[in-house]
PDB file of N, CA and C in Angstrom:
ATOM      1  N   UNK A   1       0.843  -1.186   0.000  1.00  0.00           N
ATOM      2  CA  UNK A   1       0.000   0.000   0.000  1.00  0.00           C
ATOM      3  C   UNK A   1       0.880   1.239   0.000  1.00  0.00           C
ATOM      4  N   UNK A   2       0.567   2.185  -0.835  1.00  0.00           N
ATOM      5  CA  UNK A   2       1.380   3.391  -0.970  1.00  0.00           C
ATOM      6  C   UNK A   2       0.989   4.411   0.085  1.00  0.00           C
ATOM      7  N   UNK A   3       1.988   4.992   0.743  1.00  0.00           N
ATOM      8  CA  UNK A   3       1.704   6.060   1.686  1.00  0.00           C
ATOM      9  C   UNK A   3       1.548   7.350   0.903  1.00  0.00           C
ATOM     10  N   UNK A   4       0.791   8.287   1.490  1.00  0.00           N
ATOM     11  CA  UNK A   4       0.523   9.536   0.780  1.00  0.00           C
ATOM     12  C   UNK A   4       0.882  10.731   1.633  1.00  0.00           C
ATOM     13  N   UNK A   5       1.388  11.761   0.969  1.00  0.00           N
ATOM     14  CA  UNK A   5       1.603  13.056   1.598  1.00  0.00           C
ATOM     15  C   UNK A   5       0.696  14.009   0.842  1.00  0.00           C
ATOM     16  N   UNK A   6      -0.185  14.723   1.538  1.00  0.00           N
ATOM     17  CA  UNK A   6      -1.156  15.568   0.853  1.00  0.00           C
ATOM     18  C   UNK A   6      -0.505  16.792   0.237  1.00  0.00           C
ATOM     19  N   UNK A   7      -1.053  17.212  -0.877  1.00  0.00           N
ATOM     20  CA  UNK A   7      -0.641  18.454  -1.531  1.00  0.00           C
ATOM     21  C   UNK A   7      -1.789  19.434  -1.370  1.00  0.00           C
ATOM     22  N   UNK A   8      -1.565  20.550  -0.705  1.00  0.00           N
ATOM     23  CA  UNK A   8      -2.635  21.486  -0.368  1.00  0.00           C
ATOM     24  C   UNK A   8      -3.190  22.223  -1.590  1.00  0.00           C
ATOM     25  N   UNK A   9      -2.442  22.255  -2.695  1.00  0.00           N
ATOM     26  CA  UNK A   9      -2.916  23.006  -3.858  1.00  0.00           C
ATOM     27  C   UNK A   9      -3.849  22.201  -4.748  1.00  0.00           C
ATOM     28  N   UNK A  10      -4.235  21.017  -4.315  1.00  0.00           N
ATOM     29  CA  UNK A  10      -5.129  20.205  -5.118  1.00  0.00           C
ATOM     30  C   UNK A  10      -4.405  19.327  -6.112  1.00  0.00           C
ATOM     31  N   UNK A  11      -3.080  19.394  -6.165  1.00  0.00           N
ATOM     32  CA  UNK A  11      -2.310  18.528  -7.044  1.00  0.00           C
ATOM     33  C   UNK A  11      -2.310  17.105  -6.531  1.00  0.00           C
ATOM     34  N   UNK A  12      -1.859  16.176  -7.334  1.00  0.00           N
ATOM     35  CA  UNK A  12      -1.848  14.790  -6.891  1.00  0.00           C
ATOM     36  C   UNK A  12      -0.906  14.611  -5.702  1.00  0.00           C
ATOM     37  N   UNK A  13      -1.293  13.746  -4.751  1.00  0.00           N
ATOM     38  CA  UNK A  13      -0.434  13.534  -3.579  1.00  0.00           C
ATOM     39  C   UNK A  13       0.841  12.788  -3.956  1.00  0.00           C
ATOM     40  N   UNK A  14       1.883  12.990  -3.172  1.00  0.00           N
ATOM     41  CA  UNK A  14       3.139  12.285  -3.360  1.00  0.00           C
ATOM     42  C   UNK A  14       2.971  10.914  -2.718  1.00  0.00           C
ATOM     43  N   UNK A  15       3.189   9.853  -3.481  1.00  0.00           N
ATOM     44  CA  UNK A  15       3.056   8.496  -2.943  1.00  0.00           C
ATOM     45  C   UNK A  15       4.361   7.749  -3.092  1.00  0.00           C
ATOM     46  N   UNK A  16       4.500   6.677  -2.303  1.00  0.00           N
ATOM     47  CA  UNK A  16       5.707   5.860  -2.396  1.00  0.00           C
ATOM     48  C   UNK A  16       5.714   5.040  -3.682  1.00  0.00           C
ATOM     49  N   UNK A  17       4.553   4.940  -4.360  1.00  0.00           N
ATOM     50  CA  UNK A  17       4.487   4.174  -5.603  1.00  0.00           C
ATOM     51  C   UNK A  17       4.986   4.975  -6.803  1.00  0.00           C
ATOM     52  N   UNK A  18       5.038   6.312  -6.665  1.00  0.00           N
ATOM     53  CA  UNK A  18       5.499   7.145  -7.776  1.00  0.00           C
ATOM     54  C   UNK A  18       6.982   6.903  -8.034  1.00  0.00           C
ATOM     55  N   UNK A  19       7.356   6.822  -9.304  1.00  0.00           N
ATOM     56  CA  UNK A  19       8.752   6.638  -9.661  1.00  0.00           C
ATOM     57  C   UNK A  19       9.513   7.950  -9.614  1.00  0.00           C
ATOM     58  N   UNK A  20      10.822   7.844  -9.588  1.00  0.00           N
ATOM     59  CA  UNK A  20      11.678   9.020  -9.503  1.00  0.00           C
ATOM     60  C   UNK A  20      11.407   9.982 -10.645  1.00  0.00           C
ATOM     61  N   UNK A  21      11.317   9.467 -11.862  1.00  0.00           N
ATOM     62  CA  UNK A  21      11.160  10.333 -13.024  1.00  0.00           C
ATOM     63  C   UNK A  21       9.864  11.128 -12.959  1.00  0.00           C
ATOM     64  N   UNK A  22       8.775  10.483 -12.521  1.00  0.00           N
ATOM     65  CA  UNK A  22       7.491  11.175 -12.403  1.00  0.00           C
ATOM     66  C   UNK A  22       7.560  12.255 -11.330  1.00  0.00           C
ATOM     67  N   UNK A  23       8.142  11.909 -10.195  1.00  0.00           N
ATOM     68  CA  UNK A  23       8.268  12.889  -9.114  1.00  0.00           C
ATOM     69  C   UNK A  23       9.144  14.060  -9.526  1.00  0.00           C
ATOM     70  N   UNK A  24      10.259  13.762 -10.181  1.00  0.00           N
ATOM     71  CA  UNK A  24      11.171  14.818 -10.607  1.00  0.00           C
ATOM     72  C   UNK A  24      10.498  15.729 -11.639  1.00  0.00           C
ATOM     73  N   UNK A  25       9.707  15.145 -12.527  1.00  0.00           N
ATOM     74  CA  UNK A  25       8.970  15.936 -13.508  1.00  0.00           C
ATOM     75  C   UNK A  25       7.996  16.891 -12.838  1.00  0.00           C
ATOM     76  N   UNK A  26       7.289  16.384 -11.817  1.00  0.00           N
ATOM     77  CA  UNK A  26       6.370  17.243 -11.070  1.00  0.00           C
ATOM     78  C   UNK A  26       7.129  18.343 -10.333  1.00  0.00           C
ATOM     79  N   UNK A  27       8.302  18.030  -9.811  1.00  0.00           N
ATOM     80  CA  UNK A  27       9.116  19.039  -9.139  1.00  0.00           C
ATOM     81  C   UNK A  27       9.538  20.131 -10.117  1.00  0.00           C
ATOM     82  N   UNK A  28       9.951  19.731 -11.307  1.00  0.00           N
ATOM     83  CA  UNK A  28      10.335  20.713 -12.323  1.00  0.00           C
ATOM     84  C   UNK A  28       9.163  21.618 -12.686  1.00  0.00           C
ATOM     85  N   UNK A  29       7.959  21.035 -12.790  1.00  0.00           N
ATOM     86  CA  UNK A  29       6.777  21.839 -13.096  1.00  0.00           C
ATOM     87  C   UNK A  29       6.505  22.868 -12.000  1.00  0.00           C
ATOM     88  N   UNK A  30       6.623  22.445 -10.754  1.00  0.00           N
ATOM     89  CA  UNK A  30       6.390  23.365  -9.630  1.00  0.00           C
ATOM     90  C   UNK A  30       7.403  24.500  -9.648  1.00  0.00           C
ATOM     91  N   UNK A  31       8.661  24.182  -9.903  1.00  0.00           N
ATOM     92  CA  UNK A  31       9.709  25.206  -9.947  1.00  0.00           C
ATOM     93  C   UNK A  31       9.433  26.190 -11.089  1.00  0.00           C
ATOM     94  N   UNK A  32       9.053  25.660 -12.243  1.00  0.00           N
ATOM     95  CA  UNK A  32       8.757  26.524 -13.399  1.00  0.00           C
ATOM     96  C   UNK A  32       7.616  27.489 -13.081  1.00  0.00           C
ATOM     97  N   UNK A  33       6.560  26.975 -12.462  1.00  0.00           N
ATOM     98  CA  UNK A  33       5.424  27.835 -12.104  1.00  0.00           C
ATOM     99  C   UNK A  33       5.850  28.924 -11.121  1.00  0.00           C
ATOM    100  N   UNK A  34       6.665  28.541 -10.145  1.00  0.00           N
ATOM    101  CA  UNK A  34       7.135  29.531  -9.169  1.00  0.00           C
ATOM    102  C   UNK A  34       8.015  30.583  -9.831  1.00  0.00           C
ATOM    103  N   UNK A  35       8.857  30.174 -10.763  1.00  0.00           N
ATOM    104  CA  UNK A  35       9.754  31.108 -11.441  1.00  0.00           C
ATOM    105  C   UNK A  35       8.990  32.061 -12.358  1.00  0.00           C
ATOM    106  N   UNK A  36       7.896  31.577 -12.943  1.00  0.00           N
ATOM    107  CA  UNK A  36       7.105  32.423 -13.845  1.00  0.00           C
ATOM    108  C   UNK A  36       6.398  33.539 -13.081  1.00  0.00           C
ATOM    109  N   UNK A  37       6.104  33.285 -11.809  1.00  0.00           N
ATOM    110  CA  UNK A  37       5.444  34.307 -10.999  1.00  0.00           C
ATOM    111  C   UNK A  37       3.974  34.440 -11.333  1.00  0.00           C
ATOM    112  N   UNK A  38       3.391  35.537 -10.871  1.00  0.00           N
ATOM    113  CA  UNK A  38       1.980  35.782 -11.130  1.00  0.00           C
ATOM    114  C   UNK A  38       1.053  34.993 -10.227  1.00  0.00           C
ATOM    115  N   UNK A  39       1.593  34.352  -9.211  1.00  0.00           N
ATOM    116  CA  UNK A  39       0.778  33.566  -8.293  1.00  0.00           C
ATOM    117  C   UNK A  39       0.508  34.365  -7.031  1.00  0.00           C
ATOM    118  N   UNK A  40      -0.589  34.019  -6.387  1.00  0.00           N
ATOM    119  CA  UNK A  40      -0.850  34.647  -5.090  1.00  0.00           C
ATOM    120  C   UNK A  40       0.131  34.076  -4.069  1.00  0.00           C
ATOM    121  N   UNK A  41       0.206  34.741  -2.942  1.00  0.00           N
ATOM    122  CA  UNK A  41       1.095  34.272  -1.880  1.00  0.00           C
ATOM    123  C   UNK A  41       0.715  32.859  -1.459  1.00  0.00           C
ATOM    124  N   UNK A  42      -0.580  32.603  -1.300  1.00  0.00           N
ATOM    125  CA  UNK A  42      -1.038  31.274  -0.880  1.00  0.00           C
ATOM    126  C   UNK A  42      -0.695  30.211  -1.929  1.00  0.00           C
ATOM    127  N   UNK A  43      -0.878  30.538  -3.202  1.00  0.00           N
ATOM    128  CA  UNK A  43      -0.543  29.594  -4.282  1.00  0.00           C
ATOM    129  C   UNK A  43       0.966  29.318  -4.294  1.00  0.00           C
ATOM    130  N   UNK A  44       1.745  30.374  -4.113  1.00  0.00           N
ATOM    131  CA  UNK A  44       3.203  30.220  -4.083  1.00  0.00           C
ATOM    132  C   UNK A  44       3.639  29.348  -2.924  1.00  0.00           C
ATOM    133  N   UNK A  45       3.073  29.596  -1.742  1.00  0.00           N
ATOM    134  CA  UNK A  45       3.418  28.786  -0.574  1.00  0.00           C
ATOM    135  C   UNK A  45       3.015  27.328  -0.762  1.00  0.00           C
ATOM    136  N   UNK A  46       1.860  27.125  -1.331  1.00  0.00           N
ATOM    137  CA  UNK A  46       1.376  25.766  -1.563  1.00  0.00           C
ATOM    138  C   UNK A  46       2.281  25.028  -2.554  1.00  0.00           C
ATOM    139  N   UNK A  47       2.649  25.717  -3.629  1.00  0.00           N
ATOM    140  CA  UNK A  47       3.554  25.112  -4.623  1.00  0.00           C
ATOM    141  C   UNK A  47       4.928  24.839  -4.016  1.00  0.00           C
ATOM    142  N   UNK A  48       5.398  25.773  -3.205  1.00  0.00           N
ATOM    143  CA  UNK A  48       6.694  25.591  -2.544  1.00  0.00           C
ATOM    144  C   UNK A  48       6.652  24.378  -1.617  1.00  0.00           C
ATOM    145  N   UNK A  49       5.569  24.241  -0.861  1.00  0.00           N
ATOM    146  CA  UNK A  49       5.418  23.096   0.038  1.00  0.00           C
ATOM    147  C   UNK A  49       5.383  21.786  -0.756  1.00  0.00           C
ATOM    148  N   UNK A  50       4.629  21.780  -1.847  1.00  0.00           N
ATOM    149  CA  UNK A  50       4.588  20.582  -2.690  1.00  0.00           C
ATOM    150  C   UNK A  50       5.977  20.265  -3.240  1.00  0.00           C
ATOM    151  N   UNK A  51       6.685  21.308  -3.684  1.00  0.00           N
ATOM    152  CA  UNK A  51       8.034  21.115  -4.218  1.00  0.00           C
ATOM    153  C   UNK A  51       8.979  20.524  -3.182  1.00  0.00           C
ATOM    154  N   UNK A  52       8.865  20.995  -1.951  1.00  0.00           N
ATOM    155  CA  UNK A  52       9.721  20.456  -0.884  1.00  0.00           C
ATOM    156  C   UNK A  52       9.406  18.994  -0.614  1.00  0.00           C
ATOM    157  N   UNK A  53       8.119  18.627  -0.628  1.00  0.00           N
ATOM    158  CA  UNK A  53       7.739  17.225  -0.454  1.00  0.00           C
ATOM    159  C   UNK A  53       8.266  16.365  -1.607  1.00  0.00           C
ATOM    160  N   UNK A  54       8.147  16.891  -2.817  1.00  0.00           N
ATOM    161  CA  UNK A  54       8.654  16.166  -3.981  1.00  0.00           C
ATOM    162  C   UNK A  54      10.172  16.017  -3.913  1.00  0.00           C
ATOM    163  N   UNK A  55      10.870  17.093  -3.543  1.00  0.00           N
ATOM    164  CA  UNK A  55      12.335  17.046  -3.443  1.00  0.00           C
ATOM    165  C   UNK A  55      12.761  16.042  -2.375  1.00  0.00           C
ATOM    166  N   UNK A  56      12.052  16.012  -1.249  1.00  0.00           N
ATOM    167  CA  UNK A  56      12.366  15.074  -0.170  1.00  0.00           C
ATOM    168  C   UNK A  56      12.201  13.633  -0.661  1.00  0.00           C
ATOM    169  N   UNK A  57      11.105  13.374  -1.364  1.00  0.00           N
ATOM    170  CA  UNK A  57      10.856  12.010  -1.863  1.00  0.00           C
ATOM    171  C   UNK A  57      11.899  11.625  -2.920  1.00  0.00           C
ATOM    172  N   UNK A  58      12.252  12.555  -3.788  1.00  0.00           N
ATOM    173  CA  UNK A  58      13.301  12.280  -4.787  1.00  0.00           C
ATOM    174  C   UNK A  58      14.618  11.938  -4.092  1.00  0.00           C
ATOM    175  N   UNK A  59      14.958  12.688  -3.058  1.00  0.00           N
ATOM    176  CA  UNK A  59      16.193  12.444  -2.313  1.00  0.00           C
ATOM    177  C   UNK A  59      16.167  11.067  -1.659  1.00  0.00           C
ATOM    178  N   UNK A  60      15.015  10.686  -1.101  1.00  0.00           N
ATOM    179  CA  UNK A  60      14.884   9.358  -0.495  1.00  0.00           C
ATOM    180  C   UNK A  60      15.110   8.263  -1.529  1.00  0.00           C
ATOM    181  N   UNK A  61      14.521   8.439  -2.702  1.00  0.00           N
ATOM    182  CA  UNK A  61      14.678   7.440  -3.766  1.00  0.00           C
ATOM    183  C   UNK A  61      16.128   7.349  -4.232  1.00  0.00           C
ATOM    184  N   UNK A  62      16.800   8.493  -4.333  1.00  0.00           N
ATOM    185  CA  UNK A  62      18.214   8.485  -4.728  1.00  0.00           C
ATOM    186  C   UNK A  62      19.073   7.788  -3.670  1.00  0.00           C
ATOM    187  N   UNK A  63      18.773   8.030  -2.397  1.00  0.00           N
ATOM    188  CA  UNK A  63      19.527   7.369  -1.327  1.00  0.00           C
ATOM    189  C   UNK A  63      19.293   5.858  -1.339  1.00  0.00           C
ATOM    190  N   UNK A  64      18.057   5.443  -1.607  1.00  0.00           N
ATOM    191  CA  UNK A  64      17.761   4.014  -1.704  1.00  0.00           C
ATOM    192  C   UNK A  64      18.516   3.376  -2.872  1.00  0.00           C
ATOM    193  N   UNK A  65      18.574   4.081  -3.983  1.00  0.00           N
ATOM    194  CA  UNK A  65      19.300   3.569  -5.149  1.00  0.00           C
ATOM    195  C   UNK A  65      20.795   3.463  -4.847  1.00  0.00           C
ATOM    196  N   UNK A  66      21.329   4.474  -4.175  1.00  0.00           N
ATOM    197  CA  UNK A  66      22.747   4.457  -3.811  1.00  0.00           C
ATOM    198  C   UNK A  66      23.056   3.299  -2.872  1.00  0.00           C
ATOM    199  N   UNK A  67      22.176   3.070  -1.896  1.00  0.00           N
ATOM    200  CA  UNK A  67      22.361   1.953  -0.970  1.00  0.00           C
ATOM    201  C   UNK A  67      22.301   0.622  -1.708  1.00  0.00           C
ATOM    202  N   UNK A  68      21.391   0.511  -2.642  1.00  0.00           N
ATOM    203  CA  UNK A  68      21.270  -0.721  -3.435  1.00  0.00           C
ATOM    204  C   UNK A  68      22.539  -0.978  -4.251  1.00  0.00           C
ATOM    205  N   UNK A  69      23.079   0.066  -4.854  1.00  0.00           N
ATOM    206  CA  UNK A  69      24.316  -0.067  -5.627  1.00  0.00           C
ATOM    207  C   UNK A  69      25.472  -0.471  -4.714  1.00  0.00           C
ATOM    208  N   UNK A  70      25.559   0.155  -3.550  1.00  0.00           N
ATOM    209  CA  UNK A  70      26.616  -0.178  -2.591  1.00  0.00           C
ATOM    210  C   UNK A  70      26.529  -1.638  -2.187  1.00  0.00           C
ATOM    211  N   UNK A  71      25.323  -2.113  -1.905  1.00  0.00           N
ATOM    212  CA  UNK A  71      25.145  -3.524  -1.521  1.00  0.00           C
ATOM    213  C   UNK A  71      25.526  -4.468  -2.663  1.00  0.00           C
ATOM    214  N   UNK A  72      25.167  -4.100  -3.887  1.00  0.00           N
ATOM    215  CA  UNK A  72      25.545  -4.928  -5.036  1.00  0.00           C
ATOM    216  C   UNK A  72      27.060  -4.978  -5.202  1.00  0.00           C
ATOM    217  N   UNK A  73      27.722  -3.832  -5.027  1.00  0.00           N
ATOM    218  CA  UNK A  73      29.179  -3.799  -5.129  1.00  0.00           C
ATOM    219  C   UNK A  73      29.818  -4.647  -4.038  1.00  0.00           C
ATOM    220  N   UNK A  74      29.307  -4.544  -2.815  1.00  0.00           N
ATOM    221  CA  UNK A  74      29.842  -5.346  -1.712  1.00  0.00           C
ATOM    222  C   UNK A  74      29.639  -6.830  -1.967  1.00  0.00           C
ATOM    223  N   UNK A  75      28.475  -7.180  -2.495  1.00  0.00           N
ATOM    224  CA  UNK A  75      28.178  -8.575  -2.812  1.00  0.00           C
ATOM    225  C   UNK A  75      29.142  -9.085  -3.883  1.00  0.00           C
ATOM    226  N   UNK A  76      29.410  -8.258  -4.882  1.00  0.00           N
ATOM    227  CA  UNK A  76      30.333  -8.630  -5.951  1.00  0.00           C
ATOM    228  C   UNK A  76      31.736  -8.838  -5.399  1.00  0.00           C
ATOM    229  N   UNK A  77      32.181  -7.910  -4.545  1.00  0.00           N
ATOM    230  CA  UNK A  77      33.522  -8.005  -3.954  1.00  0.00           C
ATOM    231  C   UNK A  77      33.620  -9.237  -3.065  1.00  0.00           C
ATOM    232  N   UNK A  78      32.565  -9.507  -2.281  1.00  0.00           N
ATOM    233  CA  UNK A  78      32.555 -10.705  -1.443  1.00  0.00           C
ATOM    234  C   UNK A  78      32.649 -11.962  -2.300  1.00  0.00           C
ATOM    235  N   UNK A  79      31.952 -11.963  -3.431  1.00  0.00           N
ATOM    236  CA  UNK A  79      32.009 -13.104  -4.346  1.00  0.00           C
ATOM    237  C   UNK A  79      33.404 -13.296  -4.916  1.00  0.00           C
ATOM    238  N   UNK A  80      34.071 -12.203  -5.265  1.00  0.00           N
ATOM    239  CA  UNK A  80      35.441 -12.289  -5.781  1.00  0.00           C
ATOM    240  C   UNK A  80      36.391 -12.813  -4.712  1.00  0.00           C
ATOM    241  N   UNK A  81      36.191 -12.366  -3.478  1.00  0.00           N
ATOM    242  CA  UNK A  81      37.044 -12.823  -2.378  1.00  0.00           C
ATOM    243  C   UNK A  81      36.892 -14.321  -2.177  1.00  0.00           C
ATOM    244  N   UNK A  82      35.668 -14.814  -2.262  1.00  0.00           N
ATOM    245  CA  UNK A  82      35.422 -16.244  -2.098  1.00  0.00           C
ATOM    246  C   UNK A  82      36.099 -17.034  -3.213  1.00  0.00           C
ATOM    247  N   UNK A  83      36.050 -16.505  -4.419  1.00  0.00           N
ATOM    248  CA  UNK A  83      36.690 -17.193  -5.552  1.00  0.00           C
ATOM    249  C   UNK A  83      38.195 -17.214  -5.356  1.00  0.00           C
ATOM    250  N   UNK A  84      38.769 -16.103  -4.921  1.00  0.00           N
ATOM    251  CA  UNK A  84      40.210 -16.048  -4.683  1.00  0.00           C
ATOM    252  C   UNK A  84      40.620 -17.023  -3.593  1.00  0.00           C
ATOM    253  N   UNK A  85      39.833 -17.104  -2.517  1.00  0.00           N
ATOM    254  CA  UNK A  85      40.147 -18.030  -1.432  1.00  0.00           C
ATOM    255  C   UNK A  85      40.105 -19.468  -1.921  1.00  0.00           C
ATOM    256  N   UNK A  86      39.104 -19.801  -2.718  1.00  0.00           N
ATOM    257  CA  UNK A  86      39.004 -21.149  -3.253  1.00  0.00           C
ATOM    258  C   UNK A  86      40.194 -21.453  -4.170  1.00  0.00           C
ATOM    259  N   UNK A  87      40.595 -20.478  -4.965  1.00  0.00           N
ATOM    260  CA  UNK A  87      41.712 -20.688  -5.884  1.00  0.00           C
ATOM    261  C   UNK A  87      43.022 -20.842  -5.114  1.00  0.00           C
ATOM    262  N   UNK A  88      43.190 -20.105  -4.045  1.00  0.00           N
ATOM    263  CA  UNK A  88      44.446 -20.206  -3.293  1.00  0.00           C
ATOM    264  C   UNK A  88      44.510 -21.501  -2.501  1.00  0.00           C
ATOM    265  N   UNK A  89      43.378 -22.093  -2.188  1.00  0.00           N
ATOM    266  CA  UNK A  89      43.362 -23.349  -1.454  1.00  0.00           C
ATOM    267  C   UNK A  89      43.629 -24.548  -2.364  1.00  0.00           C
ATOM    268  N   UNK A  90      43.534 -24.373  -3.662  1.00  0.00           N
ATOM    269  CA  UNK A  90      43.726 -25.462  -4.605  1.00  0.00           C
ATOM    270  C   UNK A  90      45.188 -25.867  -4.678  1.00  0.00           C
ATOM    271  N   UNK A  91      45.450 -27.147  -4.525  1.00  0.00           N
ATOM    272  CA  UNK A  91      46.794 -27.696  -4.726  1.00  0.00           C
ATOM    273  C   UNK A  91      46.641 -28.935  -5.588  1.00  0.00           C
ATOM    274  N   UNK A  92      47.403 -29.026  -6.668  1.00  0.00           N
ATOM    275  CA  UNK A  92      47.279 -30.191  -7.548  1.00  0.00           C
ATOM    276  C   UNK A  92      47.756 -31.455  -6.820  1.00  0.00           C
ATOM    277  N   UNK A  93      47.166 -32.599  -7.173  1.00  0.00           N
ATOM    278  CA  UNK A  93      47.530 -33.876  -6.554  1.00  0.00           C
ATOM    279  C   UNK A  93      48.941 -34.298  -6.933  1.00  0.00           C
ATOM    280  N   UNK A  94      49.303 -34.038  -8.163  1.00  0.00           N
ATOM    281  CA  UNK A  94      50.645 -34.417  -8.611  1.00  0.00           C
ATOM    282  C   UNK A  94      51.097 -33.441  -9.687  1.00  0.00           C
ATOM    283  N   UNK A  95      52.379 -33.515 -10.018  1.00  0.00           N
ATOM    284  CA  UNK A  95      52.922 -32.673 -11.069  1.00  0.00           C
ATOM    285  C   UNK A  95      52.296 -33.093 -12.395  1.00  0.00           C
ATOM    286  N   UNK A  96      51.985 -32.145 -13.240  1.00  0.00           N
ATOM    287  CA  UNK A  96      51.417 -32.511 -14.542  1.00  0.00           C
ATOM    288  C   UNK A  96      52.457 -33.265 -15.376  1.00  0.00           C
ATOM    289  N   UNK A  97      51.994 -34.287 -16.059  1.00  0.00           N
ATOM    290  CA  UNK A  97      52.863 -35.084 -16.915  1.00  0.00           C
ATOM    291  C   UNK A  97      52.943 -34.420 -18.280  1.00  0.00           C
ATOM    292  N   UNK A  98      54.143 -34.400 -18.898  1.00  0.00           N
ATOM    293  CA  UNK A  98      54.260 -33.815 -20.235  1.00  0.00           C
ATOM    294  C   UNK A  98      53.459 -34.633 -21.244  1.00  0.00           C
ATOM    295  N   UNK A  99      52.966 -33.984 -22.243  1.00  0.00           N
ATOM    296  CA  UNK A  99      52.219 -34.659 -23.298  1.00  0.00           C
ATOM    297  C   UNK A  99      53.144 -35.601 -24.044  1.00  0.00           C
ATOM    298  N   UNK A 100      52.570 -36.576 -24.694  1.00  0.00           N
ATOM    299  CA  UNK A 100      53.337 -37.595 -25.397  1.00  0.00           C
ATOM    300  C   UNK A 100      54.248 -36.989 -26.469  1.00  0.00           C
ATOM    301  N   UNK A 101      53.813 -35.953 -27.154  1.00  0.00           N
ATOM    302  CA  UNK A 101      54.618 -35.407 -28.244  1.00  0.00           C
ATOM    303  C   UNK A 101      55.577 -34.327 -27.762  1.00  0.00           C
ATOM    304  N   UNK A 102      55.598 -33.992 -26.465  1.00  0.00           N
ATOM    305  CA  UNK A 102      56.541 -33.013 -25.954  1.00  0.00           C
ATOM    306  C   UNK A 102      57.752 -33.700 -25.383  1.00  0.00           C
ATOM    307  N   UNK A 103      58.884 -33.080 -25.564  1.00  0.00           N
ATOM    308  CA  UNK A 103      60.115 -33.595 -24.985  1.00  0.00           C
ATOM    309  C   UNK A 103      60.331 -32.982 -23.612  1.00  0.00           C
ATOM    310  N   UNK A 104      60.770 -33.749 -22.645  1.00  0.00           N
ATOM    311  CA  UNK A 104      61.013 -33.173 -21.322  1.00  0.00           C
ATOM    312  C   UNK A 104      62.197 -32.194 -21.390  1.00  0.00           C
ATOM    313  N   UNK A 105      62.118 -31.162 -20.609  1.00  0.00           N
ATOM    314  CA  UNK A 105      63.213 -30.186 -20.552  1.00  0.00           C
ATOM    315  C   UNK A 105      64.360 -30.758 -19.731  1.00  0.00           C
ATOM    316  N   UNK A 106      65.562 -30.542 -20.172  1.00  0.00           N
ATOM    317  CA  UNK A 106      66.707 -31.083 -19.459  1.00  0.00           C
ATOM    318  C   UNK A 106      67.575 -29.989 -18.916  1.00  0.00           C
TER     319      UNK A 106
END
C-alpha cells in the first residue's frame, strides 16, 4: 500500500508508488510555475510546500538507489574474495605429466 503526503494546492499527492522520473517531472513543473510568478502568496506557498515534499521524496529514492548499488558492489567483492580463497586453497595432486609429443626439458 502506498503512503501519501497531501498536496494542499489540489495537485496529486506524493506516494511511495510514484517513480523518480514522475516525481522529478512534477518538481520541475512546480519550480517553473514559481519562477514564472503571477501567483498569489497562498498559491506560491502551496507550490513551494509541494516542491519540498517532492524534493524530499526524490532524495529518499536516490539514497535508496545508492544503498542498493553499494550492496551490489559489496556482494560482488565478497564473491570475488570467495573465488580467490578457493583458488588459493587449490593444490594439484601431482605434477602434470608432459604430453606424449613433448620432450622433457633437461
